[in-house]
């Protein structure tokens, strides 16, 4: 049984992959200032949420309960 198709060479693969890469839309540079600043804002928001959560939890645990009774 013989195939009538030609063999795929390394150059064929490289040229097709290069063509596909060039046709992909530009997604932006990884080190762009926009992505860096958005990561800083996200980290600050997560940090503030953690501080709020742990402070709220500590406040509930150490809350002083005062009971006033009338005689």
C-alpha atoms as a PDB file:
ATOM      1  CA  UNK A   1       0.000   0.000   0.000  1.00  0.00           C
ATOM      2  CA  UNK A   2       1.586   3.239  -1.112  1.00  0.00           C
ATOM      3  CA  UNK A   3       0.760   6.767  -0.133  1.00  0.00           C
ATOM      4  CA  UNK A   4       0.627   9.285  -2.928  1.00  0.00           C
ATOM      5  CA  UNK A   5       1.173  12.111  -0.454  1.00  0.00           C
ATOM      6  CA  UNK A   6       4.532  13.790  -0.110  1.00  0.00           C
ATOM      7  CA  UNK A   7       6.503  13.657   3.100  1.00  0.00           C
ATOM      8  CA  UNK A   8       6.226  16.532   5.532  1.00  0.00           C
ATOM      9  CA  UNK A   9       9.609  18.104   6.106  1.00  0.00           C
ATOM     10  CA  UNK A  10      10.875  20.202   8.954  1.00  0.00           C
ATOM     11  CA  UNK A  11      10.806  23.300   6.752  1.00  0.00           C
ATOM     12  CA  UNK A  12       7.111  22.706   6.002  1.00  0.00           C
ATOM     13  CA  UNK A  13       6.315  22.578   9.713  1.00  0.00           C
ATOM     14  CA  UNK A  14       8.381  25.675  10.508  1.00  0.00           C
ATOM     15  CA  UNK A  15       6.800  27.692   7.721  1.00  0.00           C
ATOM     16  CA  UNK A  16       3.253  26.674   8.724  1.00  0.00           C
ATOM     17  CA  UNK A  17       3.867  27.443  12.409  1.00  0.00           C
ATOM     18  CA  UNK A  18       5.382  30.820  11.514  1.00  0.00           C
ATOM     19  CA  UNK A  19       2.339  31.583   9.357  1.00  0.00           C
ATOM     20  CA  UNK A  20       0.003  30.634  12.209  1.00  0.00           C
ATOM     21  CA  UNK A  21       1.932  32.723  14.727  1.00  0.00           C
ATOM     22  CA  UNK A  22       1.772  35.778  12.476  1.00  0.00           C
ATOM     23  CA  UNK A  23      -1.960  35.374  11.967  1.00  0.00           C
ATOM     24  CA  UNK A  24      -2.654  35.339  15.724  1.00  0.00           C
ATOM     25  CA  UNK A  25      -3.982  38.610  17.167  1.00  0.00           C
ATOM     26  CA  UNK A  26      -1.572  40.699  19.217  1.00  0.00           C
ATOM     27  CA  UNK A  27      -2.315  40.169  22.902  1.00  0.00           C
ATOM     28  CA  UNK A  28       0.120  42.703  24.305  1.00  0.00           C
ATOM     29  CA  UNK A  29       3.524  42.592  25.882  1.00  0.00           C
ATOM     30  CA  UNK A  30       3.826  40.656  29.129  1.00  0.00           C
ATOM     31  CA  UNK A  31       5.856  43.420  30.750  1.00  0.00           C
ATOM     32  CA  UNK A  32       3.687  46.308  29.645  1.00  0.00           C
ATOM     33  CA  UNK A  33       2.972  49.036  32.217  1.00  0.00           C
ATOM     34  CA  UNK A  34      -0.749  48.301  32.085  1.00  0.00           C
ATOM     35  CA  UNK A  35      -0.378  44.705  33.162  1.00  0.00           C
ATOM     36  CA  UNK A  36       2.188  45.633  35.811  1.00  0.00           C
ATOM     37  CA  UNK A  37      -0.017  48.300  37.334  1.00  0.00           C
ATOM     38  CA  UNK A  38      -3.091  46.079  37.226  1.00  0.00           C
ATOM     39  CA  UNK A  39      -1.159  43.381  39.078  1.00  0.00           C
ATOM     40  CA  UNK A  40      -0.170  45.924  41.748  1.00  0.00           C
ATOM     41  CA  UNK A  41      -3.787  47.023  42.169  1.00  0.00           C
ATOM     42  CA  UNK A  42      -4.963  43.417  42.408  1.00  0.00           C
ATOM     43  CA  UNK A  43      -2.284  42.592  44.996  1.00  0.00           C
ATOM     44  CA  UNK A  44      -3.242  45.640  47.066  1.00  0.00           C
ATOM     45  CA  UNK A  45      -6.919  44.685  46.950  1.00  0.00           C
ATOM     46  CA  UNK A  46      -6.175  41.133  48.049  1.00  0.00           C
ATOM     47  CA  UNK A  47      -3.932  42.441  50.839  1.00  0.00           C
ATOM     48  CA  UNK A  48      -6.603  44.831  52.103  1.00  0.00           C
ATOM     49  CA  UNK A  49      -9.224  42.076  51.999  1.00  0.00           C
ATOM     50  CA  UNK A  50      -6.945  39.785  54.033  1.00  0.00           C
ATOM     51  CA  UNK A  51      -6.252  42.497  56.635  1.00  0.00           C
ATOM     52  CA  UNK A  52      -9.966  43.250  56.930  1.00  0.00           C
ATOM     53  CA  UNK A  53     -10.888  39.582  57.284  1.00  0.00           C
ATOM     54  CA  UNK A  54      -8.275  38.780  59.927  1.00  0.00           C
ATOM     55  CA  UNK A  55      -9.045  41.971  61.863  1.00  0.00           C
ATOM     56  CA  UNK A  56     -12.769  41.217  61.798  1.00  0.00           C
ATOM     57  CA  UNK A  57     -12.131  37.697  62.998  1.00  0.00           C
ATOM     58  CA  UNK A  58      -9.854  38.849  65.812  1.00  0.00           C
ATOM     59  CA  UNK A  59     -12.367  41.484  66.872  1.00  0.00           C
ATOM     60  CA  UNK A  60     -15.125  38.910  67.116  1.00  0.00           C
ATOM     61  CA  UNK A  61     -12.925  36.550  69.120  1.00  0.00           C
ATOM     62  CA  UNK A  62     -11.678  39.179  71.603  1.00  0.00           C
ATOM     63  CA  UNK A  63     -14.917  41.084  71.962  1.00  0.00           C
ATOM     64  CA  UNK A  64     -15.755  41.986  75.549  1.00  0.00           C
ATOM     65  CA  UNK A  65     -19.253  41.038  76.594  1.00  0.00           C
ATOM     66  CA  UNK A  66     -20.782  43.266  79.253  1.00  0.00           C
ATOM     67  CA  UNK A  67     -23.966  42.060  80.868  1.00  0.00           C
ATOM     68  CA  UNK A  68     -26.050  44.526  82.839  1.00  0.00           C
ATOM     69  CA  UNK A  69     -28.711  43.181  85.206  1.00  0.00           C
ATOM     70  CA  UNK A  70     -31.317  45.198  87.021  1.00  0.00           C
ATOM     71  CA  UNK A  71     -32.192  44.212  90.502  1.00  0.00           C
END
